[in-house]
């Protein structure tokens, strides 16, 4: 298929298209959906954008390596931080709210999780649709290859510890940065995301997000279903929970010192 840009820029063009497309989708759907399902729709759109973006970042990595992946992921993460608003696109926070009995309506927790799961499912279909145009050879290979490869390159225990640790760092940064101004928090979280992703890329894939990991690698060759759950779901949930508890402890200590 003819593309009006050099092949090297095709993945970036797809990512730019996603940015514009999902921004329009967000504006349109929020204007027409009933208020009681807006949270669900918001999580669906954000998760769809996140997962499809990471899928295309895989193409960037295949073509141009770590540096291009790191820079592009940093810029995208900063954009996502600005437009996602209160959505998480990750089940860690709502699960933490439920486990810790936080004063959050159970309906909101359910709507968040349902929206994220639907977003993850639809992201697989959306990505396959984009790759079906075979704009470059990597798209054709990813679209036509029947057997995908899992990101786990270490033992299950080691993988769970790695995903737990990077989730812990990511969640702690996200929680602490809520007290900062939007620009500073956005930069800090974007750099943290890129560093953690690149650091764990060769071991687990560096997802620290169960929905993202499942949307991109569930059922792929390299680990069983249970191994996937242990590494990418249980590992991430435990890491996020520890970060949340530590953050709460630090907040309580700070309050006591102020009084």
Protein backbone atom coordinates (compact mmCIF):
# COMPACT_ATOMS: atom_id res chain seq x y z
CA UNK A 1 0.00 0.00 0.00
CA UNK A 2 1.38 3.44 -0.94
CA UNK A 3 2.15 5.74 1.98
CA UNK A 4 2.85 9.46 1.46
CA UNK A 5 5.67 9.47 4.08
CA UNK A 6 9.04 7.66 4.27
CA UNK A 7 8.78 4.20 5.83
CA UNK A 8 10.87 5.27 8.82
CA UNK A 9 8.17 7.77 9.79
CA UNK A 10 5.18 5.44 9.37
CA UNK A 11 5.05 4.24 13.01
CA UNK A 12 5.23 7.84 14.22
CA UNK A 13 2.49 8.81 11.77
CA UNK A 14 0.30 6.02 13.17
CA UNK A 15 0.97 7.23 16.71
CA UNK A 16 0.15 10.80 15.71
CA UNK A 17 -3.05 9.60 14.05
CA UNK A 18 -3.95 7.80 17.29
CA UNK A 19 -3.38 10.97 19.31
CA UNK A 20 -5.74 12.97 17.10
CA UNK A 21 -8.28 10.17 16.66
CA UNK A 22 -8.65 9.37 20.35
CA UNK A 23 -8.74 13.05 21.27
CA UNK A 24 -11.71 13.48 18.93
CA UNK A 25 -13.30 10.26 20.21
CA UNK A 26 -12.91 11.48 23.78
CA UNK A 27 -14.53 14.84 23.04
CA UNK A 28 -17.42 13.38 21.05
CA UNK A 29 -18.28 10.48 23.35
CA UNK A 30 -18.08 12.60 26.51
CA UNK A 31 -20.53 15.04 24.97
CA UNK A 32 -23.17 12.43 24.18
CA UNK A 33 -22.90 9.58 26.71
CA UNK A 34 -25.05 9.67 29.86
CA UNK A 35 -23.25 10.84 33.00
CA UNK A 36 -23.71 7.51 34.81
CA UNK A 37 -21.54 5.64 32.27
CA UNK A 38 -19.07 8.42 31.50
CA UNK A 39 -16.45 6.92 33.84
CA UNK A 40 -16.72 3.55 32.10
CA UNK A 41 -16.40 5.15 28.65
CA UNK A 42 -13.50 7.34 29.80
CA UNK A 43 -11.58 4.29 31.03
CA UNK A 44 -12.41 2.40 27.83
CA UNK A 45 -11.05 5.18 25.57
CA UNK A 46 -7.93 5.75 27.68
CA UNK A 47 -7.13 2.03 27.88
CA UNK A 48 -7.75 1.64 24.15
CA UNK A 49 -5.38 4.53 23.41
CA UNK A 50 -2.72 3.25 25.82
CA UNK A 51 -2.69 -0.34 24.58
CA UNK A 52 -2.80 0.50 20.87
CA UNK A 53 -0.05 3.07 21.43
CA UNK A 54 2.21 0.53 23.13
CA UNK A 55 1.56 -1.93 20.30
CA UNK A 56 2.81 0.61 17.76
CA UNK A 57 5.76 1.44 20.01
CA UNK A 58 6.77 -2.18 19.50
CA UNK A 59 7.14 -1.35 15.80
CA UNK A 60 9.27 1.69 16.69
CA UNK A 61 11.53 -0.57 18.76
CA UNK A 62 11.80 -3.20 16.02
CA UNK A 63 12.86 -0.58 13.46
CA UNK A 64 14.96 1.87 15.48
CA UNK A 65 15.82 0.40 18.88
CA UNK A 66 15.99 1.60 22.47
CA UNK A 67 16.71 5.29 21.99
CA UNK A 68 13.80 5.89 19.62
CA UNK A 69 11.50 3.83 21.85
CA UNK A 70 12.55 5.71 24.98
CA UNK A 71 12.12 9.18 23.48
CA UNK A 72 8.79 8.36 21.83
CA UNK A 73 7.42 6.67 24.96
CA UNK A 74 8.43 9.69 27.07
CA UNK A 75 6.59 12.10 24.77
CA UNK A 76 3.52 9.87 24.54
CA UNK A 77 3.44 9.35 28.30
CA UNK A 78 3.50 13.10 28.83
CA UNK A 79 0.58 13.49 26.41
CA UNK A 80 -1.36 10.68 28.09
CA UNK A 81 -0.78 12.25 31.49
CA UNK A 82 -2.40 15.46 30.24
CA UNK A 83 -5.42 13.98 28.44
CA UNK A 84 -6.30 10.95 30.59
CA UNK A 85 -7.36 13.26 33.43
CA UNK A 86 -8.83 11.08 36.23
CA UNK A 87 -8.76 7.82 34.28
CA UNK A 88 -6.16 5.20 35.20
CA UNK A 89 -6.15 2.79 32.22
CA UNK A 90 -4.76 0.33 34.79
CA UNK A 91 -6.66 -1.89 37.26
CA UNK A 92 -4.16 -1.41 40.10
CA UNK A 93 -5.81 1.69 41.56
CA UNK A 94 -9.42 0.41 41.65
CA UNK A 95 -8.27 -2.93 43.06
CA UNK A 96 -6.27 -1.08 45.73
CA UNK A 97 -9.36 0.99 46.56
CA UNK A 98 -11.38 -2.20 47.02
CA UNK A 99 -8.76 -4.05 49.08
CA UNK A 100 -8.04 -1.08 51.34
CA UNK A 101 -11.75 -0.28 51.74
CA UNK A 102 -11.25 3.27 50.51
CA UNK A 103 -14.26 5.63 50.51
CA UNK A 104 -14.94 5.12 46.81
CA UNK A 105 -18.36 3.98 45.52
CA UNK A 106 -18.25 0.33 44.55
CA UNK A 107 -20.07 1.24 41.36
CA UNK A 108 -17.16 3.47 40.33
CA UNK A 109 -14.70 0.63 40.92
CA UNK A 110 -16.81 -1.70 38.79
CA UNK A 111 -17.23 0.86 36.00
CA UNK A 112 -13.48 1.50 35.93
CA UNK A 113 -12.62 -2.19 35.70
CA UNK A 114 -15.25 -2.95 33.07
CA UNK A 115 -14.13 0.02 30.97
CA UNK A 116 -10.49 -1.06 31.20
CA UNK A 117 -11.23 -4.66 30.27
CA UNK A 118 -13.32 -3.57 27.27
CA UNK A 119 -10.61 -1.12 26.26
CA UNK A 120 -8.00 -3.87 26.36
CA UNK A 121 -10.16 -6.19 24.26
CA UNK A 122 -10.99 -3.57 21.65
CA UNK A 123 -7.36 -2.43 21.48
CA UNK A 124 -6.42 -5.83 20.07
CA UNK A 125 -9.00 -5.46 17.29
CA UNK A 126 -8.07 -1.84 16.63
CA UNK A 127 -4.35 -2.67 16.36
CA UNK A 128 -5.01 -5.57 14.02
CA UNK A 129 -7.12 -3.27 11.85
CA UNK A 130 -4.32 -0.68 11.65
CA UNK A 131 -1.74 -3.34 10.83
CA UNK A 132 -4.01 -4.95 8.22
CA UNK A 133 -3.18 -2.07 5.85
CA UNK A 134 0.41 -3.40 5.73
CA UNK A 135 1.87 0.09 5.55
CA UNK A 136 5.35 -1.31 6.30
CA UNK A 137 6.90 -4.76 6.51
CA UNK A 138 6.67 -4.87 10.33
CA UNK A 139 2.92 -4.27 10.16
CA UNK A 140 2.55 -7.08 7.64
CA UNK A 141 4.61 -9.48 9.77
CA UNK A 142 2.79 -8.64 13.01
CA UNK A 143 -0.59 -8.86 11.29
CA UNK A 144 -0.02 -12.17 9.50
CA UNK A 145 2.08 -14.00 12.12
CA UNK A 146 -0.14 -16.45 13.93
CA UNK A 147 2.17 -17.08 16.92
CA UNK A 148 3.21 -14.05 18.97
CA UNK A 149 6.00 -14.08 21.57
CA UNK A 150 5.49 -13.35 25.25
CA UNK A 151 7.60 -10.70 26.96
CA UNK A 152 8.68 -12.98 29.84
CA UNK A 153 12.36 -13.97 29.45
CA UNK A 154 13.10 -14.93 33.07
CA UNK A 155 11.63 -17.32 35.63
CA UNK A 156 8.09 -16.72 36.85
CA UNK A 157 9.23 -15.73 40.34
CA UNK A 158 11.84 -13.34 39.02
CA UNK A 159 9.32 -11.91 36.54
CA UNK A 160 6.73 -11.35 39.28
CA UNK A 161 9.33 -9.58 41.43
CA UNK A 162 10.40 -7.36 38.54
CA UNK A 163 6.84 -6.41 37.58
CA UNK A 164 6.02 -5.88 41.25
CA UNK A 165 9.03 -3.61 41.74
CA UNK A 166 8.49 -1.44 38.67
CA UNK A 167 4.77 -1.18 39.49
CA UNK A 168 5.74 -0.14 43.02
CA UNK A 169 8.03 2.62 41.72
CA UNK A 170 5.52 3.79 39.11
CA UNK A 171 2.58 3.88 41.54
CA UNK A 172 4.60 5.60 44.28
CA UNK A 173 5.71 8.29 41.81
CA UNK A 174 2.12 8.75 40.59
CA UNK A 175 0.82 9.09 44.14
CA UNK A 176 3.55 11.45 45.33
CA UNK A 177 3.33 13.64 42.24
CA UNK A 178 -0.32 14.47 42.90
CA UNK A 179 0.94 17.27 45.15
CA UNK A 180 3.03 18.83 42.36
CA UNK A 181 1.96 21.13 39.55
CA UNK A 182 0.65 19.42 36.41
CA UNK A 183 3.68 20.11 34.22
CA UNK A 184 6.26 18.91 36.76
CA UNK A 185 4.19 15.82 37.59
CA UNK A 186 3.75 15.05 33.90
CA UNK A 187 7.48 15.25 33.19
CA UNK A 188 8.40 13.18 36.26
CA UNK A 189 5.86 10.44 35.52
CA UNK A 190 6.76 10.34 31.81
CA UNK A 191 10.47 9.90 32.46
CA UNK A 192 9.76 7.31 35.16
CA UNK A 193 7.55 5.34 32.78
CA UNK A 194 10.17 5.33 30.03
CA UNK A 195 13.04 4.38 32.36
CA UNK A 196 11.10 1.53 33.99
CA UNK A 197 9.83 0.20 30.66
CA UNK A 198 13.28 0.18 29.07
CA UNK A 199 14.87 -1.24 32.21
CA UNK A 200 12.59 -4.28 32.23
CA UNK A 201 12.16 -4.65 28.47
CA UNK A 202 14.55 -7.58 28.15
CA UNK A 203 13.17 -9.48 31.16
CA UNK A 204 9.38 -9.09 31.38
CA UNK A 205 8.62 -6.52 28.70
CA UNK A 206 8.27 -3.78 31.32
CA UNK A 207 4.48 -3.41 31.41
CA UNK A 208 3.64 -2.72 35.12
CA UNK A 209 -0.01 -2.69 34.04
CA UNK A 210 -2.01 -5.97 33.99
CA UNK A 211 -4.47 -4.84 31.30
CA UNK A 212 -1.67 -3.61 29.04
CA UNK A 213 0.31 -6.82 29.48
CA UNK A 214 -2.72 -8.99 28.69
CA UNK A 215 -3.80 -6.92 25.68
CA UNK A 216 -0.34 -7.29 24.14
CA UNK A 217 0.89 -10.73 25.24
CA UNK A 218 -1.88 -12.91 26.75
CA UNK A 219 -1.86 -16.26 24.96
CA UNK A 220 1.48 -15.61 23.29
CA UNK A 221 4.17 -18.30 23.09
CA UNK A 222 6.62 -18.21 26.00
CA UNK A 223 4.50 -18.54 29.13
CA UNK A 224 1.33 -20.31 30.23
CA UNK A 225 -1.89 -18.59 31.26
CA UNK A 226 -1.15 -19.09 34.96
CA UNK A 227 2.42 -17.82 34.57
CA UNK A 228 1.04 -14.72 32.86
CA UNK A 229 -1.41 -14.13 35.72
CA UNK A 230 1.26 -14.57 38.40
CA UNK A 231 3.78 -12.25 36.74
CA UNK A 232 1.63 -9.51 35.24
CA UNK A 233 -1.42 -9.47 37.49
CA UNK A 234 -0.44 -10.71 40.95
CA UNK A 235 3.06 -9.22 40.75
CA UNK A 236 1.73 -5.83 39.65
CA UNK A 237 -1.13 -5.79 42.18
CA UNK A 238 1.21 -6.56 45.09
CA UNK A 239 3.69 -3.92 43.97
CA UNK A 240 0.96 -1.32 43.66
CA UNK A 241 -0.55 -2.24 47.00
CA UNK A 242 2.78 -1.87 48.80
CA UNK A 243 3.28 1.53 47.15
CA UNK A 244 -0.18 2.65 48.25
CA UNK A 245 0.43 1.54 51.84
CA UNK A 246 3.82 3.25 51.94
CA UNK A 247 2.31 6.44 50.53
CA UNK A 248 -0.41 6.41 53.19
CA UNK A 249 2.21 5.89 55.91
CA UNK A 250 4.29 8.81 54.62
CA UNK A 251 1.19 11.00 54.52
CA UNK A 252 0.33 10.14 58.13
CA UNK A 253 3.91 10.83 59.28
CA UNK A 254 3.87 14.19 57.49
CA UNK A 255 0.58 15.17 59.12
CA UNK A 256 1.89 14.24 62.56
CA UNK A 257 5.03 16.32 62.03
CA UNK A 258 2.94 19.32 60.94
CA UNK A 259 0.79 19.11 64.07
